[in-house]
Amino acid sequence: MLIIIVISLYFFALFCISRLTARKATNTTFFRGERRSKWWMVAFGMVGASISGVTFVSVPGMVLTSSMAYLQLCIGFILGYLVVAFVLLPVYYRLNLTSIYGYLGQRLGGKSYKTGAWFFLLSKMCGAALKFYVICMILTTFSGGSKGIFILITVGMVLLIWLYTRRGGIRTLVFTDTFQTVCLFSALLLIIYKVMGQLDFSLSDAVRSVMADERSRVFVLDDWTSPWYFWKQLLSGLFIVVVMTGLDQDMMQKNLTCKSLRDAQKDMCTYGMAFLPVNFLFLALGVLLAQFFESQGVALPTKGDELLTMFVQTSESEVSQFSTLFVFFVLGILAASFSSADSALTSLTTCYCVDIRNRENDERLRRHVHVAMCLFFALFILLFDAINSKSLIDAIYTIVSYTYGPLLGLFAFGLFTKRQVRDRFVPYVCVASPLLCYVIDSIAKQQFGYHFGYELLLMNGLITFVGLGFVSVRQKGFYR
C-alpha cells in the first residue's frame, strides 16, 4: 500500500507542475519555453535528465568489472561541456534556433539539414525506447512478471508522460526535471544510507572503506589496449558530450530556453562540473554493495546490472515487499526514467515539426505529432519485448551508437572549414560512414584482437568529415 501511495503522490506532483506551467501555452512555450528559464534550474534538472533509469541501475555495477574507471570518462565530460558552452551555444544563440539542426540548413544546405534531423530522430527514438524498455522490464519483474503487467506498465507510463507534457512541453520539463532530480538524489542518498546501515558504517567509516577498496581504482595508465585506458576515456568523454549533448536536440532544447547566452553557458558549466561527483556517488554505492554481499558470504552477480536489484531483492526477502528501501528504489527508477523519456519525446516532436515539416507555428500539427511520437515510443518498447532477443537488442544499441558519428562530422565540417558541400551527396556520405566504421571494427577484432570502444565515435565523425571534404567545393565566404 505504501508504494502505491508514494507513486500516486509522485504523479500528482508532476500533474500539478504541468498545470501551473502550461497556462496559456503556445508552440513557442512547447518548443522554446519562451526563453524565460532560470539557468540554475535548467542545470539542476539536466543532471537528473542525463541519468536514465538504466544508468541508475547499471553504474553501481560497473565497479565489478572496471572499478571506478568510469570516472575517467566523466573527467572528459567536463572538457566536452566547456566545448559545448563556448563553441556550440554561441552559434545556436546567434542564429536564434529552435532546433539546433537548423544550423546545418543555413551552413550546408537543405539535404544536410534533413539528414542531420533524420539521424537524430532514428537515434533518439531507438535509444530512448530501449532505455525505457529496460526499466519497464525491471518494474514488471517486481510486479509479478506477467506479459499483461508489462504491457500495462508500458502503456500507462507513456500515457502519463503525454498527459503532463502535451501542453507545456519544454517549459513544463524544466520544472518537472527539477522535481524529478530531487526525487532521484533523495532515493540515491537514502539507498546509500540503507547500505551503510547494513554494514554498520558511519559516514566516515563508509568513506574510508570505499577509498581503501581495490575497486575504487580510477586511473588506467598501464595498458593502452584496454578500453578503459585513461587517454582513450578522456578523449572519448569529450567527444561523447559534444555529440550526445551539444549536437542532440533532446539535451540542448532545455539550454536554449535560458534568457541569454551567458545564462546558458553558466547552466552548461555548472551541470558539467556536477556530473563527476554524481557518478562518484553511484560508483561508491556499487563498492558498498559489493562489500555488503562479501560480508554476508553471498556470491557477487556475474552481471553488474544486477548488483543493485539483487540488494533490493535480498532485503525484500527479509522484510515486507513494501519496505522503505523498495519505495526508494522504485522512486529513483521512476524519476530517472521519466526525466529522460519525457524530454526525448518532446525533442522528437520538436525535430519533426520544425526540421522535417518546417511548420514551427502549426499548433494542430504539433499536438498530432506529439501523440504520434508517444504511440511510436510505446510500440517500439512492445516490439523490443516481442523480439525478446538479447543479441538483437545489443545490435540495436550498437546501431544507435554509430548514428551519432555523422552528426559530429556534419557540425565539425560546418564550423571548422570554409568549404561548401555538394548538398545532394551528403546523405550518401552520412550513411556510408557508419557502415565503413563497422567494417573497420570487424577487421580490427579479427586480425588484431583490438576492439574499438568509445573512440569509434571519433573515427565515425572523422570519416564523415573526410567524406564531406570529397564532395565539397571552396567558397569565398560562408556563414557559420
Protein backbone atom coordinates (compact mmCIF):
# COMPACT_ATOMS: atom_id res chain seq x y z
CA MET A 1 0.00 0.00 0.00
CA LEU A 2 2.86 2.37 0.80
CA ILE A 3 4.40 2.07 -2.67
CA ILE A 4 1.05 2.84 -4.32
CA ILE A 5 0.62 5.95 -2.18
CA VAL A 6 4.16 7.18 -2.97
CA ILE A 7 3.78 6.63 -6.73
CA SER A 8 0.37 8.32 -6.71
CA LEU A 9 1.80 11.34 -4.88
CA TYR A 10 4.72 11.43 -7.31
CA PHE A 11 2.48 11.63 -10.37
CA PHE A 12 0.10 14.02 -8.65
CA ALA A 13 3.05 16.40 -8.14
CA LEU A 14 4.00 16.10 -11.83
CA PHE A 15 0.48 16.95 -12.95
CA CYS A 16 0.30 19.92 -10.56
CA ILE A 17 3.55 21.27 -12.02
CA SER A 18 2.24 20.67 -15.54
CA ARG A 19 -0.98 22.54 -14.83
CA LEU A 20 0.88 25.55 -13.39
CA THR A 21 3.44 25.77 -16.20
CA ALA A 22 1.10 25.10 -19.15
CA ARG A 23 -1.21 28.08 -18.72
CA LYS A 24 -1.69 29.97 -22.00
CA ALA A 25 0.84 27.64 -23.62
CA THR A 26 1.62 28.08 -27.32
CA ASN A 27 4.06 26.44 -29.71
CA THR A 28 6.69 28.92 -28.50
CA THR A 29 6.08 27.64 -24.97
CA PHE A 30 6.25 24.00 -26.07
CA PHE A 31 9.38 24.32 -28.23
CA ARG A 32 11.38 27.10 -26.54
CA GLY A 33 9.88 27.77 -23.11
CA GLU A 34 9.59 31.41 -24.26
CA ARG A 35 13.29 31.76 -23.37
CA ARG A 36 12.44 32.56 -19.74
CA SER A 37 14.01 29.64 -17.83
CA LYS A 38 16.35 30.29 -14.91
CA TRP A 39 19.79 28.88 -15.66
CA TRP A 40 20.33 27.25 -12.25
CA MET A 41 17.02 25.39 -12.53
CA VAL A 42 17.90 24.12 -16.00
CA ALA A 43 21.34 23.00 -14.77
CA PHE A 44 19.94 21.11 -11.79
CA GLY A 45 17.23 19.45 -13.86
CA MET A 46 19.70 18.49 -16.59
CA VAL A 47 21.66 16.38 -14.10
CA GLY A 48 18.58 14.25 -13.48
CA ALA A 49 17.61 14.19 -17.16
CA SER A 50 21.04 12.85 -18.15
CA ILE A 51 20.71 9.95 -15.69
CA SER A 52 18.34 7.43 -17.21
CA GLY A 53 16.81 4.55 -15.30
CA VAL A 54 19.40 2.28 -16.93
CA THR A 55 22.18 4.49 -15.52
CA PHE A 56 20.58 4.33 -12.06
CA VAL A 57 20.75 0.53 -12.16
CA SER A 58 23.92 -0.05 -14.20
CA VAL A 59 26.56 2.44 -13.00
CA PRO A 60 26.90 0.98 -9.46
CA GLY A 61 27.62 -2.43 -11.01
CA MET A 62 30.49 -1.07 -13.13
CA VAL A 63 32.82 -1.41 -10.14
CA LEU A 64 32.66 -5.21 -10.51
CA THR A 65 34.36 -5.18 -13.91
CA SER A 66 36.18 -1.85 -14.27
CA SER A 67 36.47 -0.43 -10.74
CA MET A 68 35.86 3.33 -10.85
CA ALA A 69 37.50 3.78 -14.26
CA TYR A 70 34.22 5.26 -15.50
CA LEU A 71 35.22 8.48 -13.72
CA GLN A 72 37.95 8.95 -16.36
CA LEU A 73 35.16 9.29 -18.90
CA CYS A 74 33.42 11.78 -16.60
CA ILE A 75 36.57 13.92 -16.50
CA GLY A 76 36.41 14.00 -20.28
CA PHE A 77 32.76 15.00 -19.98
CA ILE A 78 33.80 18.21 -18.19
CA LEU A 79 36.03 19.18 -21.12
CA GLY A 80 33.18 18.39 -23.50
CA TYR A 81 30.75 20.62 -21.63
CA LEU A 82 33.23 23.50 -21.92
CA VAL A 83 33.36 22.98 -25.70
CA VAL A 84 29.55 22.94 -25.88
CA ALA A 85 29.29 26.07 -23.73
CA PHE A 86 31.83 28.19 -25.57
CA VAL A 87 31.80 26.82 -29.15
CA LEU A 88 28.31 25.49 -29.91
CA LEU A 89 25.99 27.53 -27.70
CA PRO A 90 27.18 30.89 -29.15
CA VAL A 91 26.31 29.62 -32.65
CA TYR A 92 22.85 28.43 -31.59
CA TYR A 93 22.01 31.66 -29.80
CA ARG A 94 23.38 33.88 -32.57
CA LEU A 95 21.15 32.14 -35.10
CA ASN A 96 18.18 32.18 -32.68
CA LEU A 97 17.49 28.48 -33.33
CA THR A 98 14.52 26.47 -32.12
CA SER A 99 16.10 23.23 -33.36
CA ILE A 100 19.88 23.02 -33.46
CA TYR A 101 19.78 21.23 -36.82
CA GLY A 102 18.65 24.49 -38.38
CA TYR A 103 22.35 25.39 -38.35
CA LEU A 104 23.07 22.65 -40.89
CA GLY A 105 20.45 24.08 -43.23
CA GLN A 106 21.92 27.58 -43.07
CA ARG A 107 25.53 26.47 -43.36
CA LEU A 108 25.49 23.39 -45.62
CA GLY A 109 22.09 23.13 -47.32
CA GLY A 110 18.68 21.51 -47.23
CA LYS A 111 19.78 17.89 -47.71
CA SER A 112 22.35 18.23 -44.93
CA TYR A 113 19.68 19.74 -42.69
CA LYS A 114 17.22 16.90 -43.27
CA THR A 115 19.95 14.26 -42.96
CA GLY A 116 21.00 15.54 -39.53
CA ALA A 117 17.38 15.69 -38.36
CA TRP A 118 16.59 12.15 -39.54
CA PHE A 119 19.71 10.73 -37.92
CA PHE A 120 18.63 12.34 -34.65
CA LEU A 121 15.07 11.01 -34.95
CA LEU A 122 16.29 7.47 -35.58
CA SER A 123 18.91 7.54 -32.82
CA LYS A 124 16.75 9.13 -30.17
CA MET A 125 13.63 7.03 -30.79
CA CYS A 126 15.55 3.74 -30.69
CA GLY A 127 17.87 4.71 -27.85
CA ALA A 128 15.22 6.25 -25.59
CA ALA A 129 12.78 3.39 -26.22
CA LEU A 130 15.44 0.78 -25.40
CA LYS A 131 16.32 2.51 -22.13
CA PHE A 132 12.66 2.77 -21.19
CA TYR A 133 12.13 -0.87 -22.15
CA VAL A 134 14.78 -1.99 -19.67
CA ILE A 135 13.09 -0.04 -16.88
CA CYS A 136 9.65 -1.39 -17.78
CA MET A 137 11.12 -4.88 -17.55
CA ILE A 138 12.59 -4.19 -14.10
CA LEU A 139 9.30 -2.82 -12.79
CA THR A 140 7.44 -5.77 -14.32
CA THR A 141 9.77 -8.19 -12.52
CA PHE A 142 8.99 -6.56 -9.19
CA SER A 143 5.26 -6.59 -10.01
CA GLY A 144 4.85 -10.25 -10.85
CA GLY A 145 6.49 -10.66 -14.25
CA SER A 146 3.47 -11.37 -16.50
CA LYS A 147 3.18 -10.15 -20.10
CA GLY A 148 -0.05 -8.34 -19.33
CA ILE A 149 1.56 -6.37 -16.50
CA PHE A 150 4.43 -5.38 -18.81
CA ILE A 151 2.02 -4.02 -21.43
CA LEU A 152 0.01 -2.21 -18.76
CA ILE A 153 3.14 -0.61 -17.24
CA THR A 154 4.50 0.42 -20.66
CA VAL A 155 1.28 1.95 -21.99
CA GLY A 156 0.43 3.53 -18.65
CA MET A 157 3.82 5.20 -18.22
CA VAL A 158 3.91 6.57 -21.78
CA LEU A 159 0.34 7.85 -21.36
CA LEU A 160 1.33 9.67 -18.18
CA ILE A 161 4.27 11.32 -19.97
CA TRP A 162 1.94 12.52 -22.73
CA LEU A 163 -0.56 13.89 -20.23
CA TYR A 164 1.84 16.11 -18.32
CA THR A 165 3.89 17.30 -21.34
CA ARG A 166 1.19 17.70 -24.02
CA ARG A 167 0.61 21.41 -23.42
CA GLY A 168 3.62 22.98 -21.74
CA GLY A 169 6.28 20.90 -23.50
CA ILE A 170 9.82 22.06 -22.75
CA ARG A 171 8.65 24.75 -20.32
CA THR A 172 6.96 22.10 -18.18
CA LEU A 173 10.00 19.83 -18.40
CA VAL A 174 12.32 22.45 -16.93
CA PHE A 175 10.21 22.36 -13.75
CA THR A 176 9.40 18.64 -13.69
CA ASP A 177 13.10 17.79 -14.26
CA THR A 178 13.97 19.83 -11.18
CA PHE A 179 11.40 17.95 -9.11
CA GLN A 180 12.47 14.59 -10.50
CA THR A 181 16.15 15.32 -9.85
CA VAL A 182 15.29 16.00 -6.20
CA CYS A 183 13.48 12.64 -6.06
CA LEU A 184 16.36 10.85 -7.79
CA PHE A 185 19.04 12.15 -5.45
CA SER A 186 16.86 11.60 -2.41
CA ALA A 187 16.45 7.98 -3.46
CA LEU A 188 20.17 7.55 -4.18
CA LEU A 189 21.29 9.04 -0.86
CA LEU A 190 18.72 7.10 1.12
CA ILE A 191 19.76 3.81 -0.54
CA ILE A 192 23.40 4.58 0.31
CA TYR A 193 22.31 5.29 3.89
CA LYS A 194 20.46 1.96 3.97
CA VAL A 195 23.54 0.05 2.75
CA MET A 196 25.72 1.84 5.31
CA GLY A 197 23.27 0.74 7.98
CA GLN A 198 23.51 -2.88 6.84
CA LEU A 199 27.31 -2.63 7.10
CA ASP A 200 27.10 -0.79 10.43
CA PHE A 201 29.14 2.08 8.94
CA SER A 202 29.19 5.73 9.93
CA LEU A 203 29.76 8.25 7.13
CA SER A 204 33.48 8.43 7.90
CA ASP A 205 33.67 4.61 8.02
CA ALA A 206 31.99 4.39 4.62
CA VAL A 207 34.35 6.93 3.06
CA ARG A 208 37.43 5.13 4.39
CA SER A 209 36.11 1.74 3.34
CA VAL A 210 35.34 2.89 -0.21
CA MET A 211 38.71 4.60 -0.66
CA ALA A 212 40.61 1.57 0.67
CA ASP A 213 38.80 -0.89 -1.58
CA GLU A 214 40.70 -2.01 -4.69
CA ARG A 215 37.51 -1.42 -6.68
CA SER A 216 37.93 2.34 -6.10
CA ARG A 217 40.81 2.48 -8.60
CA VAL A 218 40.12 5.27 -11.09
CA PHE A 219 43.06 5.63 -13.50
CA VAL A 220 44.22 3.03 -16.02
CA LEU A 221 47.57 4.22 -17.36
CA ASP A 222 49.48 0.96 -17.90
CA ASP A 223 47.60 -0.74 -20.77
CA TRP A 224 46.88 1.27 -23.91
CA THR A 225 44.95 -1.64 -25.47
CA SER A 226 42.40 -1.57 -22.66
CA PRO A 227 39.10 0.13 -23.48
CA TRP A 228 39.49 1.85 -20.08
CA TYR A 229 42.91 3.38 -20.88
CA PHE A 230 42.95 6.94 -19.49
CA TRP A 231 43.63 8.92 -22.66
CA LYS A 232 41.03 6.93 -24.63
CA GLN A 233 38.46 7.60 -21.94
CA LEU A 234 39.34 11.29 -21.66
CA LEU A 235 39.05 11.98 -25.39
CA SER A 236 36.01 9.73 -25.71
CA GLY A 237 34.28 11.57 -22.85
CA LEU A 238 34.96 14.91 -24.54
CA PHE A 239 33.52 13.82 -27.88
CA ILE A 240 30.61 11.90 -26.35
CA VAL A 241 29.43 15.10 -24.66
CA VAL A 242 29.96 17.21 -27.78
CA VAL A 243 27.89 14.79 -29.85
CA MET A 244 25.33 13.41 -27.40
CA THR A 245 24.73 16.73 -25.65
CA GLY A 246 25.89 19.57 -27.89
CA LEU A 247 24.57 18.00 -31.12
CA ASP A 248 21.50 16.39 -29.55
CA GLN A 249 18.24 18.34 -29.70
CA ASP A 250 16.96 16.49 -26.65
CA MET A 251 19.75 17.76 -24.40
CA MET A 252 20.14 21.21 -25.98
CA GLN A 253 16.46 22.17 -26.11
CA LYS A 254 16.34 22.97 -22.39
CA ASN A 255 19.55 25.03 -22.62
CA LEU A 256 18.01 27.08 -25.41
CA THR A 257 15.17 28.12 -23.05
CA CYS A 258 17.57 30.23 -20.95
CA LYS A 259 17.15 34.00 -21.11
CA SER A 260 20.56 34.70 -22.62
CA LEU A 261 23.70 33.04 -23.95
CA ARG A 262 25.54 33.90 -20.74
CA ASP A 263 22.88 32.14 -18.64
CA ALA A 264 23.00 29.10 -20.92
CA GLN A 265 26.79 28.95 -20.55
CA LYS A 266 26.56 29.16 -16.76
CA ASP A 267 23.97 26.39 -16.86
CA MET A 268 26.15 24.14 -19.05
CA CYS A 269 29.34 24.64 -17.00
CA THR A 270 27.55 24.06 -13.68
CA TYR A 271 25.84 20.95 -14.98
CA GLY A 272 29.12 19.64 -16.40
CA MET A 273 31.00 20.07 -13.14
CA ALA A 274 28.22 18.34 -11.18
CA PHE A 275 28.40 15.21 -13.32
CA LEU A 276 31.66 13.96 -11.76
CA PRO A 277 30.57 13.90 -8.07
CA VAL A 278 27.15 12.50 -9.02
CA ASN A 279 28.68 9.49 -10.78
CA PHE A 280 31.15 9.06 -7.93
CA LEU A 281 28.16 8.58 -5.61
CA PHE A 282 26.74 5.88 -7.90
CA LEU A 283 30.09 4.08 -8.06
CA ALA A 284 30.64 4.43 -4.30
CA LEU A 285 27.24 2.79 -3.83
CA GLY A 286 28.47 -0.07 -6.02
CA VAL A 287 31.58 -0.56 -3.85
CA LEU A 288 29.48 -0.58 -0.67
CA LEU A 289 27.03 -3.07 -2.19
CA ALA A 290 29.91 -5.39 -3.16
CA GLN A 291 31.31 -5.15 0.37
CA PHE A 292 27.89 -5.93 1.83
CA PHE A 293 27.48 -9.13 -0.20
CA GLU A 294 31.03 -10.23 0.56
CA SER A 295 30.43 -9.68 4.30
CA GLN A 296 27.36 -11.91 4.02
CA GLY A 297 29.23 -14.62 2.12
CA VAL A 298 26.99 -14.11 -0.92
CA ALA A 299 28.46 -14.51 -4.41
CA LEU A 300 28.51 -11.30 -6.43
CA PRO A 301 26.36 -11.29 -9.56
CA THR A 302 28.02 -12.06 -12.88
CA LYS A 303 26.34 -9.01 -14.45
CA GLY A 304 26.95 -5.62 -12.91
CA ASP A 305 23.41 -4.50 -13.81
CA GLU A 306 22.08 -6.97 -11.24
CA LEU A 307 24.04 -5.62 -8.26
CA LEU A 308 21.57 -3.01 -7.02
CA THR A 309 18.45 -5.00 -7.87
CA MET A 310 19.93 -8.05 -6.09
CA PHE A 311 20.38 -5.97 -2.94
CA VAL A 312 16.77 -4.78 -3.11
CA GLN A 313 15.52 -8.33 -3.70
CA THR A 314 17.70 -9.71 -0.88
CA SER A 315 16.38 -7.09 1.52
CA GLU A 316 12.82 -7.68 0.39
CA SER A 317 13.09 -11.39 1.17
CA GLU A 318 13.64 -10.45 4.79
CA VAL A 319 11.01 -7.74 5.18
CA SER A 320 7.75 -6.61 3.66
CA GLN A 321 7.61 -6.10 -0.10
CA PHE A 322 6.53 -2.53 0.57
CA SER A 323 9.51 -1.58 2.73
CA THR A 324 11.11 1.84 2.69
CA LEU A 325 14.04 0.50 0.62
CA PHE A 326 11.72 -0.78 -2.08
CA VAL A 327 9.93 2.59 -2.16
CA PHE A 328 13.24 4.43 -2.58
CA PHE A 329 14.36 2.08 -5.34
CA VAL A 330 11.15 2.46 -7.33
CA LEU A 331 11.12 6.23 -6.77
CA GLY A 332 14.68 6.53 -8.08
CA ILE A 333 13.89 4.37 -11.11
CA LEU A 334 10.77 6.40 -11.93
CA ALA A 335 12.49 9.77 -11.51
CA ALA A 336 15.46 8.76 -13.66
CA SER A 337 13.30 7.13 -16.34
CA PHE A 338 10.69 9.84 -16.67
CA SER A 339 13.14 12.75 -16.69
CA SER A 340 14.95 11.25 -19.70
CA ALA A 341 11.95 9.82 -21.59
CA ASP A 342 9.72 12.91 -21.36
CA SER A 343 12.42 15.21 -22.76
CA ALA A 344 13.16 12.68 -25.53
CA LEU A 345 9.53 12.67 -26.67
CA THR A 346 9.35 16.47 -26.57
CA SER A 347 12.55 16.84 -28.61
CA LEU A 348 11.36 14.25 -31.14
CA THR A 349 8.15 16.24 -31.59
CA THR A 350 10.15 19.45 -31.98
CA CYS A 351 12.53 17.93 -34.51
CA TYR A 352 9.75 16.55 -36.70
CA CYS A 353 7.62 19.70 -36.67
CA VAL A 354 10.45 22.22 -37.04
CA ASP A 355 13.07 20.34 -39.08
CA ILE A 356 11.19 17.76 -41.15
CA ARG A 357 7.91 19.60 -41.77
CA ASN A 358 9.16 23.21 -41.33
CA ARG A 359 5.92 24.18 -39.57
CA GLU A 360 7.03 25.61 -36.25
CA ASN A 361 3.86 27.68 -35.72
CA ASP A 362 1.31 24.95 -36.53
CA GLU A 363 -0.17 24.03 -33.13
CA ARG A 364 -2.54 21.45 -34.58
CA LEU A 365 0.35 19.60 -36.23
CA ARG A 366 2.38 19.77 -33.04
CA ARG A 367 -0.40 18.19 -30.97
CA HIS A 368 -0.90 15.39 -33.51
CA VAL A 369 2.84 14.71 -33.84
CA HIS A 370 3.27 14.58 -30.06
CA VAL A 371 0.55 11.91 -29.84
CA ALA A 372 2.14 10.01 -32.74
CA MET A 373 5.59 10.10 -31.12
CA CYS A 374 4.17 8.71 -27.89
CA LEU A 375 2.43 5.93 -29.80
CA PHE A 376 5.59 5.03 -31.73
CA PHE A 377 7.56 5.12 -28.49
CA ALA A 378 5.19 2.64 -26.83
CA LEU A 379 5.14 0.43 -29.95
CA PHE A 380 8.96 0.34 -30.07
CA ILE A 381 9.07 -0.79 -26.44
CA LEU A 382 6.47 -3.52 -27.04
CA LEU A 383 8.36 -4.58 -30.19
CA PHE A 384 11.60 -4.99 -28.22
CA ASP A 385 9.69 -7.16 -25.75
CA ALA A 386 8.17 -9.26 -28.55
CA ILE A 387 11.61 -9.78 -30.12
CA ASN A 388 12.96 -10.85 -26.74
CA SER A 389 16.43 -11.40 -28.21
CA LYS A 390 19.38 -10.01 -26.29
CA SER A 391 21.65 -10.23 -29.35
CA LEU A 392 19.25 -8.19 -31.47
CA ILE A 393 18.77 -5.60 -28.73
CA ASP A 394 22.56 -5.32 -28.38
CA ALA A 395 22.75 -4.85 -32.14
CA ILE A 396 20.21 -2.02 -31.97
CA TYR A 397 22.24 -0.35 -29.22
CA THR A 398 25.31 -0.64 -31.47
CA ILE A 399 23.46 0.87 -34.42
CA VAL A 400 22.34 3.79 -32.26
CA SER A 401 25.91 4.41 -31.13
CA TYR A 402 27.01 4.52 -34.77
CA THR A 403 24.41 7.06 -35.87
CA TYR A 404 25.78 9.94 -33.79
CA GLY A 405 29.09 9.95 -35.71
CA PRO A 406 27.66 11.58 -38.86
CA LEU A 407 26.22 14.40 -36.74
CA LEU A 408 29.71 15.05 -35.35
CA GLY A 409 31.16 15.13 -38.86
CA LEU A 410 28.44 17.43 -40.22
CA PHE A 411 28.74 20.03 -37.49
CA ALA A 412 32.57 19.89 -37.42
CA PHE A 413 32.71 20.43 -41.18
CA GLY A 414 30.34 23.38 -40.94
CA LEU A 415 32.15 25.02 -38.03
CA PHE A 416 35.79 24.46 -38.92
CA THR A 417 36.00 24.67 -42.72
CA LYS A 418 35.29 27.33 -45.32
CA ARG A 419 34.05 24.86 -47.89
CA GLN A 420 30.54 24.32 -49.21
CA VAL A 421 29.34 20.76 -49.76
CA ARG A 422 27.52 19.45 -52.80
CA ASP A 423 24.40 19.04 -50.78
CA ARG A 424 22.83 16.18 -52.75
CA PHE A 425 25.73 13.84 -51.85
CA VAL A 426 25.62 14.43 -48.09
CA PRO A 427 23.04 11.70 -47.24
CA TYR A 428 25.19 9.08 -49.02
CA VAL A 429 28.31 10.15 -47.08
CA CYS A 430 26.46 10.03 -43.75
CA VAL A 431 25.08 6.54 -44.42
CA ALA A 432 28.39 5.19 -45.73
CA SER A 433 30.42 6.39 -42.74
CA PRO A 434 28.82 4.13 -40.06
CA LEU A 435 28.94 1.16 -42.44
CA LEU A 436 32.65 1.71 -43.06
CA CYS A 437 33.25 2.02 -39.30
CA TYR A 438 31.53 -1.32 -38.76
CA VAL A 439 33.81 -2.95 -41.37
CA ILE A 440 36.95 -1.43 -39.79
CA ASP A 441 35.86 -2.54 -36.30
CA SER A 442 35.20 -6.09 -37.52
CA ILE A 443 38.60 -6.32 -39.26
CA ALA A 444 40.41 -4.92 -36.19
CA LYS A 445 38.82 -7.57 -33.95
CA GLN A 446 39.53 -10.47 -36.31
CA GLN A 447 43.04 -9.53 -37.41
CA PHE A 448 44.49 -7.73 -34.38
CA GLY A 449 42.23 -8.66 -31.48
CA TYR A 450 41.54 -4.96 -30.94
CA HIS A 451 38.04 -3.85 -30.02
CA PHE A 452 37.10 -0.22 -30.55
CA GLY A 453 35.34 1.34 -27.59
CA TYR A 454 34.02 4.84 -27.29
CA GLU A 455 36.73 6.06 -29.68
CA LEU A 456 34.66 4.57 -32.51
CA LEU A 457 32.50 7.70 -32.30
CA LEU A 458 35.53 9.87 -33.09
CA MET A 459 36.53 7.68 -36.03
CA ASN A 460 32.97 7.77 -37.36
CA GLY A 461 32.90 11.56 -37.21
CA LEU A 462 36.33 11.78 -38.86
CA ILE A 463 35.30 9.55 -41.76
CA THR A 464 32.16 11.67 -42.26
CA PHE A 465 34.29 14.84 -42.17
CA VAL A 466 36.71 13.48 -44.78
CA GLY A 467 33.82 12.25 -46.93
CA LEU A 468 32.23 15.69 -46.87
CA GLY A 469 35.58 17.11 -47.95
CA PHE A 470 35.49 14.92 -51.07
CA VAL A 471 32.03 16.22 -52.03
CA SER A 472 32.76 19.88 -51.29
CA VAL A 473 33.95 22.97 -53.12
CA ARG A 474 35.76 26.04 -51.82
CA GLN A 475 33.71 29.20 -51.39
CA LYS A 476 34.85 32.74 -50.77
CA GLY A 477 32.54 33.46 -47.87
CA PHE A 478 30.47 31.34 -45.57
CA TYR A 479 28.06 31.77 -42.68
CA ARG A 480 28.85 29.92 -39.52
